[in-house]
Amino acid sequence: MFKGTTILCVRRGNKVAIAGDGQVTLGSQIIKASAKKVRLIGDAKVIAGFAGSTSDAMTLLERFEKRLDENQGHLLRAAA
């Protein structure tokens, strides 16, 4: 049995698709099956998704969005 969370990103040419499984688990129990792990941030110009424990993923997403705002939407600077 595989346990984990998934964020999948595919790029083909100049098009990108990103999706998340939406499942939140606590140990072996599914707590929520429809979580929003992929979001538009930075004035809806950046699509971001983080996999991992829910608190870690949400914290990373919030910190990344803050860095994106601090760097006026410059994606590479925010990610570094």
PDB file of N, CA and C in Angstrom:
ATOM      1  N   MET A   1       0.848  -1.182   0.000  1.00  0.00           N
ATOM      2  CA  MET A   1       0.000   0.000   0.000  1.00  0.00           C
ATOM      3  C   MET A   1       0.887   1.236   0.000  1.00  0.00           C
ATOM      4  N   PHE A   2       0.613   2.166  -0.907  1.00  0.00           N
ATOM      5  CA  PHE A   2       1.385   3.400  -1.010  1.00  0.00           C
ATOM      6  C   PHE A   2       0.725   4.480  -0.185  1.00  0.00           C
ATOM      7  N   LYS A   3       1.499   5.160   0.644  1.00  0.00           N
ATOM      8  CA  LYS A   3       0.992   6.281   1.431  1.00  0.00           C
ATOM      9  C   LYS A   3       1.774   7.508   1.039  1.00  0.00           C
ATOM     10  N   GLY A   4       1.101   8.593   0.859  1.00  0.00           N
ATOM     11  CA  GLY A   4       1.781   9.824   0.507  1.00  0.00           C
ATOM     12  C   GLY A   4       0.840  10.807  -0.126  1.00  0.00           C
ATOM     13  N   THR A   5       1.399  11.881  -0.562  1.00  0.00           N
ATOM     14  CA  THR A   5       0.627  12.924  -1.219  1.00  0.00           C
ATOM     15  C   THR A   5       1.283  13.248  -2.545  1.00  0.00           C
ATOM     16  N   THR A   6       0.518  13.789  -3.442  1.00  0.00           N
ATOM     17  CA  THR A   6       1.027  13.979  -4.785  1.00  0.00           C
ATOM     18  C   THR A   6       0.750  15.375  -5.305  1.00  0.00           C
ATOM     19  N   ILE A   7       1.777  15.981  -5.874  1.00  0.00           N
ATOM     20  CA  ILE A   7       1.648  17.174  -6.696  1.00  0.00           C
ATOM     21  C   ILE A   7       2.345  16.811  -7.990  1.00  0.00           C
ATOM     22  N   LEU A   8       1.654  16.951  -9.091  1.00  0.00           N
ATOM     23  CA  LEU A   8       2.197  16.574 -10.387  1.00  0.00           C
ATOM     24  C   LEU A   8       2.192  17.796 -11.296  1.00  0.00           C
ATOM     25  N   CYS A   9       3.323  18.019 -11.955  1.00  0.00           N
ATOM     26  CA  CYS A   9       3.443  19.129 -12.895  1.00  0.00           C
ATOM     27  C   CYS A   9       4.012  18.597 -14.206  1.00  0.00           C
ATOM     28  N   VAL A  10       3.371  18.972 -15.298  1.00  0.00           N
ATOM     29  CA  VAL A  10       3.815  18.552 -16.621  1.00  0.00           C
ATOM     30  C   VAL A  10       3.959  19.801 -17.484  1.00  0.00           C
ATOM     31  N   ARG A  11       5.089  19.894 -18.180  1.00  0.00           N
ATOM     32  CA  ARG A  11       5.311  21.006 -19.095  1.00  0.00           C
ATOM     33  C   ARG A  11       5.556  20.440 -20.486  1.00  0.00           C
ATOM     34  N   ARG A  12       4.840  20.975 -21.442  1.00  0.00           N
ATOM     35  CA  ARG A  12       5.011  20.563 -22.836  1.00  0.00           C
ATOM     36  C   ARG A  12       5.004  21.833 -23.678  1.00  0.00           C
ATOM     37  N   GLY A  13       6.166  22.138 -24.217  1.00  0.00           N
ATOM     38  CA  GLY A  13       6.294  23.391 -24.964  1.00  0.00           C
ATOM     39  C   GLY A  13       6.112  24.568 -24.019  1.00  0.00           C
ATOM     40  N   ASN A  14       5.190  25.446 -24.343  1.00  0.00           N
ATOM     41  CA  ASN A  14       4.971  26.612 -23.480  1.00  0.00           C
ATOM     42  C   ASN A  14       3.700  26.466 -22.640  1.00  0.00           C
ATOM     43  N   LYS A  15       3.197  25.248 -22.498  1.00  0.00           N
ATOM     44  CA  LYS A  15       2.011  25.003 -21.681  1.00  0.00           C
ATOM     45  C   LYS A  15       2.379  24.156 -20.469  1.00  0.00           C
ATOM     46  N   VAL A  16       1.743  24.464 -19.337  1.00  0.00           N
ATOM     47  CA  VAL A  16       2.020  23.769 -18.080  1.00  0.00           C
ATOM     48  C   VAL A  16       0.702  23.326 -17.464  1.00  0.00           C
ATOM     49  N   ALA A  17       0.689  22.120 -16.922  1.00  0.00           N
ATOM     50  CA  ALA A  17      -0.458  21.624 -16.160  1.00  0.00           C
ATOM     51  C   ALA A  17       0.060  21.185 -14.789  1.00  0.00           C
ATOM     52  N   ILE A  18      -0.669  21.531 -13.740  1.00  0.00           N
ATOM     53  CA  ILE A  18      -0.288  21.133 -12.383  1.00  0.00           C
ATOM     54  C   ILE A  18      -1.547  20.684 -11.651  1.00  0.00           C
ATOM     55  N   ALA A  19      -1.408  19.620 -10.868  1.00  0.00           N
ATOM     56  CA  ALA A  19      -2.553  19.080 -10.131  1.00  0.00           C
ATOM     57  C   ALA A  19      -2.092  18.478  -8.818  1.00  0.00           C
ATOM     58  N   GLY A  20      -2.980  18.434  -7.858  1.00  0.00           N
ATOM     59  CA  GLY A  20      -2.708  17.802  -6.569  1.00  0.00           C
ATOM     60  C   GLY A  20      -3.801  16.803  -6.255  1.00  0.00           C
ATOM     61  N   ASP A  21      -3.489  15.812  -5.442  1.00  0.00           N
ATOM     62  CA  ASP A  21      -4.467  14.766  -5.135  1.00  0.00           C
ATOM     63  C   ASP A  21      -5.547  15.227  -4.168  1.00  0.00           C
ATOM     64  N   GLY A  22      -5.314  16.262  -3.403  1.00  0.00           N
ATOM     65  CA  GLY A  22      -6.333  16.799  -2.519  1.00  0.00           C
ATOM     66  C   GLY A  22      -6.579  16.002  -1.260  1.00  0.00           C
ATOM     67  N   GLN A  23      -5.775  14.989  -0.992  1.00  0.00           N
ATOM     68  CA  GLN A  23      -5.998  14.140   0.173  1.00  0.00           C
ATOM     69  C   GLN A  23      -5.120  14.569   1.340  1.00  0.00           C
ATOM     70  N   VAL A  24      -5.738  14.705   2.509  1.00  0.00           N
ATOM     71  CA  VAL A  24      -5.019  15.023   3.739  1.00  0.00           C
ATOM     72  C   VAL A  24      -5.161  13.825   4.669  1.00  0.00           C
ATOM     73  N   THR A  25      -4.028  13.310   5.128  1.00  0.00           N
ATOM     74  CA  THR A  25      -4.064  12.147   6.013  1.00  0.00           C
ATOM     75  C   THR A  25      -3.416  12.466   7.353  1.00  0.00           C
ATOM     76  N   LEU A  26      -3.805  11.724   8.345  1.00  0.00           N
ATOM     77  CA  LEU A  26      -3.187  11.768   9.664  1.00  0.00           C
ATOM     78  C   LEU A  26      -2.921  10.315  10.020  1.00  0.00           C
ATOM     79  N   GLY A  27      -1.664   9.919   9.870  1.00  0.00           N
ATOM     80  CA  GLY A  27      -1.334   8.510  10.026  1.00  0.00           C
ATOM     81  C   GLY A  27      -1.950   7.732   8.880  1.00  0.00           C
ATOM     82  N   SER A  28      -2.771   6.768   9.191  1.00  0.00           N
ATOM     83  CA  SER A  28      -3.396   5.966   8.134  1.00  0.00           C
ATOM     84  C   SER A  28      -4.831   6.401   7.846  1.00  0.00           C
ATOM     85  N   GLN A  29      -5.305   7.457   8.510  1.00  0.00           N
ATOM     86  CA  GLN A  29      -6.681   7.912   8.310  1.00  0.00           C
ATOM     87  C   GLN A  29      -6.735   9.103   7.363  1.00  0.00           C
ATOM     88  N   ILE A  30      -7.696   9.066   6.451  1.00  0.00           N
ATOM     89  CA  ILE A  30      -7.932  10.200   5.562  1.00  0.00           C
ATOM     90  C   ILE A  30      -8.813  11.191   6.308  1.00  0.00           C
ATOM     91  N   ILE A  31      -8.284  12.399   6.511  1.00  0.00           N
ATOM     92  CA  ILE A  31      -9.017  13.425   7.248  1.00  0.00           C
ATOM     93  C   ILE A  31      -9.863  14.263   6.296  1.00  0.00           C
ATOM     94  N   LYS A  32      -9.296  14.566   5.150  1.00  0.00           N
ATOM     95  CA  LYS A  32     -10.009  15.369   4.163  1.00  0.00           C
ATOM     96  C   LYS A  32      -9.614  14.871   2.779  1.00  0.00           C
ATOM     97  N   ALA A  33     -10.582  14.718   1.909  1.00  0.00           N
ATOM     98  CA  ALA A  33     -10.300  14.198   0.571  1.00  0.00           C
ATOM     99  C   ALA A  33     -10.350  15.277  -0.506  1.00  0.00           C
ATOM    100  N   SER A  34     -10.599  16.523  -0.101  1.00  0.00           N
ATOM    101  CA  SER A  34     -10.744  17.573  -1.113  1.00  0.00           C
ATOM    102  C   SER A  34      -9.982  18.850  -0.741  1.00  0.00           C
ATOM    103  N   ALA A  35      -8.791  18.707  -0.199  1.00  0.00           N
ATOM    104  CA  ALA A  35      -7.985  19.870   0.166  1.00  0.00           C
ATOM    105  C   ALA A  35      -7.460  20.565  -1.089  1.00  0.00           C
ATOM    106  N   LYS A  36      -7.275  21.857  -1.008  1.00  0.00           N
ATOM    107  CA  LYS A  36      -6.765  22.629  -2.139  1.00  0.00           C
ATOM    108  C   LYS A  36      -5.258  22.812  -1.952  1.00  0.00           C
ATOM    109  N   LYS A  37      -4.461  21.953  -2.602  1.00  0.00           N
ATOM    110  CA  LYS A  37      -3.008  21.971  -2.456  1.00  0.00           C
ATOM    111  C   LYS A  37      -2.317  22.759  -3.565  1.00  0.00           C
ATOM    112  N   VAL A  38      -3.054  23.107  -4.587  1.00  0.00           N
ATOM    113  CA  VAL A  38      -2.515  23.893  -5.698  1.00  0.00           C
ATOM    114  C   VAL A  38      -3.283  25.203  -5.722  1.00  0.00           C
ATOM    115  N   ARG A  39      -2.557  26.323  -5.742  1.00  0.00           N
ATOM    116  CA  ARG A  39      -3.209  27.631  -5.686  1.00  0.00           C
ATOM    117  C   ARG A  39      -2.574  28.618  -6.647  1.00  0.00           C
ATOM    118  N   LEU A  40      -3.362  29.613  -7.015  1.00  0.00           N
ATOM    119  CA  LEU A  40      -2.842  30.762  -7.756  1.00  0.00           C
ATOM    120  C   LEU A  40      -2.369  31.777  -6.732  1.00  0.00           C
ATOM    121  N   ILE A  41      -1.142  32.239  -6.862  1.00  0.00           N
ATOM    122  CA  ILE A  41      -0.606  33.259  -5.957  1.00  0.00           C
ATOM    123  C   ILE A  41       0.047  34.356  -6.785  1.00  0.00           C
ATOM    124  N   GLY A  42       0.457  35.430  -6.104  1.00  0.00           N
ATOM    125  CA  GLY A  42       1.132  36.524  -6.802  1.00  0.00           C
ATOM    126  C   GLY A  42       0.242  37.183  -7.829  1.00  0.00           C
ATOM    127  N   ASP A  43      -0.909  37.681  -7.395  1.00  0.00           N
ATOM    128  CA  ASP A  43      -1.887  38.299  -8.298  1.00  0.00           C
ATOM    129  C   ASP A  43      -2.315  37.335  -9.401  1.00  0.00           C
ATOM    130  N   ALA A  44      -2.434  36.062  -9.064  1.00  0.00           N
ATOM    131  CA  ALA A  44      -2.881  35.004  -9.981  1.00  0.00           C
ATOM    132  C   ALA A  44      -1.965  34.830 -11.187  1.00  0.00           C
ATOM    133  N   LYS A  45      -0.688  35.153 -11.021  1.00  0.00           N
ATOM    134  CA  LYS A  45       0.280  34.975 -12.110  1.00  0.00           C
ATOM    135  C   LYS A  45       1.143  33.735 -11.930  1.00  0.00           C
ATOM    136  N   VAL A  46       1.113  33.131 -10.732  1.00  0.00           N
ATOM    137  CA  VAL A  46       1.936  31.964 -10.430  1.00  0.00           C
ATOM    138  C   VAL A  46       1.034  30.862  -9.898  1.00  0.00           C
ATOM    139  N   ILE A  47       1.229  29.659 -10.422  1.00  0.00           N
ATOM    140  CA  ILE A  47       0.529  28.480  -9.909  1.00  0.00           C
ATOM    141  C   ILE A  47       1.521  27.743  -9.027  1.00  0.00           C
ATOM    142  N   ALA A  48       1.145  27.475  -7.769  1.00  0.00           N
ATOM    143  CA  ALA A  48       2.056  26.808  -6.841  1.00  0.00           C
ATOM    144  C   ALA A  48       1.344  25.654  -6.152  1.00  0.00           C
ATOM    145  N   GLY A  49       2.107  24.606  -5.888  1.00  0.00           N
ATOM    146  CA  GLY A  49       1.589  23.462  -5.156  1.00  0.00           C
ATOM    147  C   GLY A  49       2.706  22.830  -4.356  1.00  0.00           C
ATOM    148  N   PHE A  50       2.410  22.442  -3.131  1.00  0.00           N
ATOM    149  CA  PHE A  50       3.399  21.807  -2.275  1.00  0.00           C
ATOM    150  C   PHE A  50       2.845  20.511  -1.737  1.00  0.00           C
ATOM    151  N   ALA A  51       3.665  19.477  -1.750  1.00  0.00           N
ATOM    152  CA  ALA A  51       3.300  18.197  -1.158  1.00  0.00           C
ATOM    153  C   ALA A  51       4.035  18.068   0.170  1.00  0.00           C
ATOM    154  N   GLY A  52       3.490  17.310   1.055  1.00  0.00           N
ATOM    155  CA  GLY A  52       4.108  17.102   2.360  1.00  0.00           C
ATOM    156  C   GLY A  52       3.028  17.113   3.418  1.00  0.00           C
ATOM    157  N   SER A  53       3.442  17.155   4.654  1.00  0.00           N
ATOM    158  CA  SER A  53       2.420  17.229   5.696  1.00  0.00           C
ATOM    159  C   SER A  53       1.650  18.533   5.502  1.00  0.00           C
ATOM    160  N   THR A  54       0.413  18.527   5.881  1.00  0.00           N
ATOM    161  CA  THR A  54      -0.457  19.673   5.612  1.00  0.00           C
ATOM    162  C   THR A  54       0.089  20.956   6.179  1.00  0.00           C
ATOM    163  N   SER A  55       0.527  20.942   7.427  1.00  0.00           N
ATOM    164  CA  SER A  55       1.036  22.176   8.032  1.00  0.00           C
ATOM    165  C   SER A  55       2.293  22.660   7.324  1.00  0.00           C
ATOM    166  N   ASP A  56       3.185  21.739   6.953  1.00  0.00           N
ATOM    167  CA  ASP A  56       4.399  22.123   6.232  1.00  0.00           C
ATOM    168  C   ASP A  56       4.061  22.714   4.868  1.00  0.00           C
ATOM    169  N   ALA A  57       3.146  22.071   4.151  1.00  0.00           N
ATOM    170  CA  ALA A  57       2.776  22.524   2.818  1.00  0.00           C
ATOM    171  C   ALA A  57       2.128  23.902   2.861  1.00  0.00           C
ATOM    172  N   MET A  58       1.230  24.121   3.793  1.00  0.00           N
ATOM    173  CA  MET A  58       0.559  25.423   3.892  1.00  0.00           C
ATOM    174  C   MET A  58       1.545  26.509   4.320  1.00  0.00           C
ATOM    175  N   THR A  59       2.450  26.187   5.230  1.00  0.00           N
ATOM    176  CA  THR A  59       3.465  27.145   5.660  1.00  0.00           C
ATOM    177  C   THR A  59       4.375  27.515   4.496  1.00  0.00           C
ATOM    178  N   LEU A  60       4.827  26.527   3.733  1.00  0.00           N
ATOM    179  CA  LEU A  60       5.683  26.798   2.578  1.00  0.00           C
ATOM    180  C   LEU A  60       4.963  27.660   1.548  1.00  0.00           C
ATOM    181  N   LEU A  61       3.702  27.367   1.307  1.00  0.00           N
ATOM    182  CA  LEU A  61       2.931  28.132   0.336  1.00  0.00           C
ATOM    183  C   LEU A  61       2.793  29.588   0.780  1.00  0.00           C
ATOM    184  N   GLU A  62       2.493  29.807   2.056  1.00  0.00           N
ATOM    185  CA  GLU A  62       2.360  31.164   2.577  1.00  0.00           C
ATOM    186  C   GLU A  62       3.694  31.913   2.528  1.00  0.00           C
ATOM    187  N   ARG A  63       4.781  31.235   2.893  1.00  0.00           N
ATOM    188  CA  ARG A  63       6.106  31.871   2.860  1.00  0.00           C
ATOM    189  C   ARG A  63       6.522  32.207   1.430  1.00  0.00           C
ATOM    190  N   PHE A  64       6.215  31.311   0.484  1.00  0.00           N
ATOM    191  CA  PHE A  64       6.552  31.552  -0.916  1.00  0.00           C
ATOM    192  C   PHE A  64       5.758  32.742  -1.462  1.00  0.00           C
ATOM    193  N   GLU A  65       4.481  32.816  -1.106  1.00  0.00           N
ATOM    194  CA  GLU A  65       3.660  33.941  -1.565  1.00  0.00           C
ATOM    195  C   GLU A  65       4.178  35.263  -0.985  1.00  0.00           C
ATOM    196  N   LYS A  66       4.588  35.242   0.270  1.00  0.00           N
ATOM    197  CA  LYS A  66       5.151  36.447   0.898  1.00  0.00           C
ATOM    198  C   LYS A  66       6.430  36.880   0.175  1.00  0.00           C
ATOM    199  N   ARG A  67       7.306  35.927  -0.112  1.00  0.00           N
ATOM    200  CA  ARG A  67       8.557  36.230  -0.826  1.00  0.00           C
ATOM    201  C   ARG A  67       8.274  36.752  -2.240  1.00  0.00           C
ATOM    202  N   LEU A  68       7.255  36.210  -2.878  1.00  0.00           N
ATOM    203  CA  LEU A  68       6.876  36.665  -4.211  1.00  0.00           C
ATOM    204  C   LEU A  68       6.418  38.123  -4.162  1.00  0.00           C
ATOM    205  N   ASP A  69       5.640  38.469  -3.148  1.00  0.00           N
ATOM    206  CA  ASP A  69       5.202  39.859  -2.974  1.00  0.00           C
ATOM    207  C   ASP A  69       6.385  40.780  -2.677  1.00  0.00           C
ATOM    208  N   GLU A  70       7.304  40.327  -1.814  1.00  0.00           N
ATOM    209  CA  GLU A  70       8.491  41.131  -1.469  1.00  0.00           C
ATOM    210  C   GLU A  70       9.371  41.394  -2.682  1.00  0.00           C
ATOM    211  N   ASN A  71       9.383  40.475  -3.635  1.00  0.00           N
ATOM    212  CA  ASN A  71      10.232  40.596  -4.824  1.00  0.00           C
ATOM    213  C   ASN A  71       9.447  41.042  -6.057  1.00  0.00           C
ATOM    214  N   GLN A  72       8.348  41.749  -5.841  1.00  0.00           N
ATOM    215  CA  GLN A  72       7.523  42.314  -6.910  1.00  0.00           C
ATOM    216  C   GLN A  72       7.182  41.296  -8.000  1.00  0.00           C
ATOM    217  N   GLY A  73       6.892  40.065  -7.605  1.00  0.00           N
ATOM    218  CA  GLY A  73       6.472  39.038  -8.550  1.00  0.00           C
ATOM    219  C   GLY A  73       7.593  38.362  -9.319  1.00  0.00           C
ATOM    220  N   HIS A  74       8.852  38.665  -8.980  1.00  0.00           N
ATOM    221  CA  HIS A  74       9.993  38.049  -9.668  1.00  0.00           C
ATOM    222  C   HIS A  74      10.147  36.625  -9.147  1.00  0.00           C
ATOM    223  N   LEU A  75       9.729  35.664  -9.969  1.00  0.00           N
ATOM    224  CA  LEU A  75       9.634  34.269  -9.549  1.00  0.00           C
ATOM    225  C   LEU A  75      10.957  33.661  -9.119  1.00  0.00           C
ATOM    226  N   LEU A  76      12.028  33.864  -9.880  1.00  0.00           N
ATOM    227  CA  LEU A  76      13.314  33.262  -9.536  1.00  0.00           C
ATOM    228  C   LEU A  76      13.872  33.809  -8.233  1.00  0.00           C
ATOM    229  N   ARG A  77      13.739  35.095  -8.001  1.00  0.00           N
ATOM    230  CA  ARG A  77      14.215  35.664  -6.727  1.00  0.00           C
ATOM    231  C   ARG A  77      13.407  35.130  -5.557  1.00  0.00           C
ATOM    232  N   ALA A  78      12.108  35.036  -5.722  1.00  0.00           N
ATOM    233  CA  ALA A  78      11.235  34.539  -4.647  1.00  0.00           C
ATOM    234  C   ALA A  78      11.556  33.081  -4.316  1.00  0.00           C
ATOM    235  N   ALA A  79      11.817  32.294  -5.342  1.00  0.00           N
ATOM    236  CA  ALA A  79      12.092  30.866  -5.127  1.00  0.00           C
ATOM    237  C   ALA A  79      13.458  30.646  -4.470  1.00  0.00           C
ATOM    238  N   ALA A  80      14.401  31.522  -4.734  1.00  0.00           N
ATOM    239  CA  ALA A  80      15.733  31.379  -4.142  1.00  0.00           C
ATOM    240  C   ALA A  80      15.680  31.749  -2.692  1.00  0.00           C
TER     241      ALA A  80
END
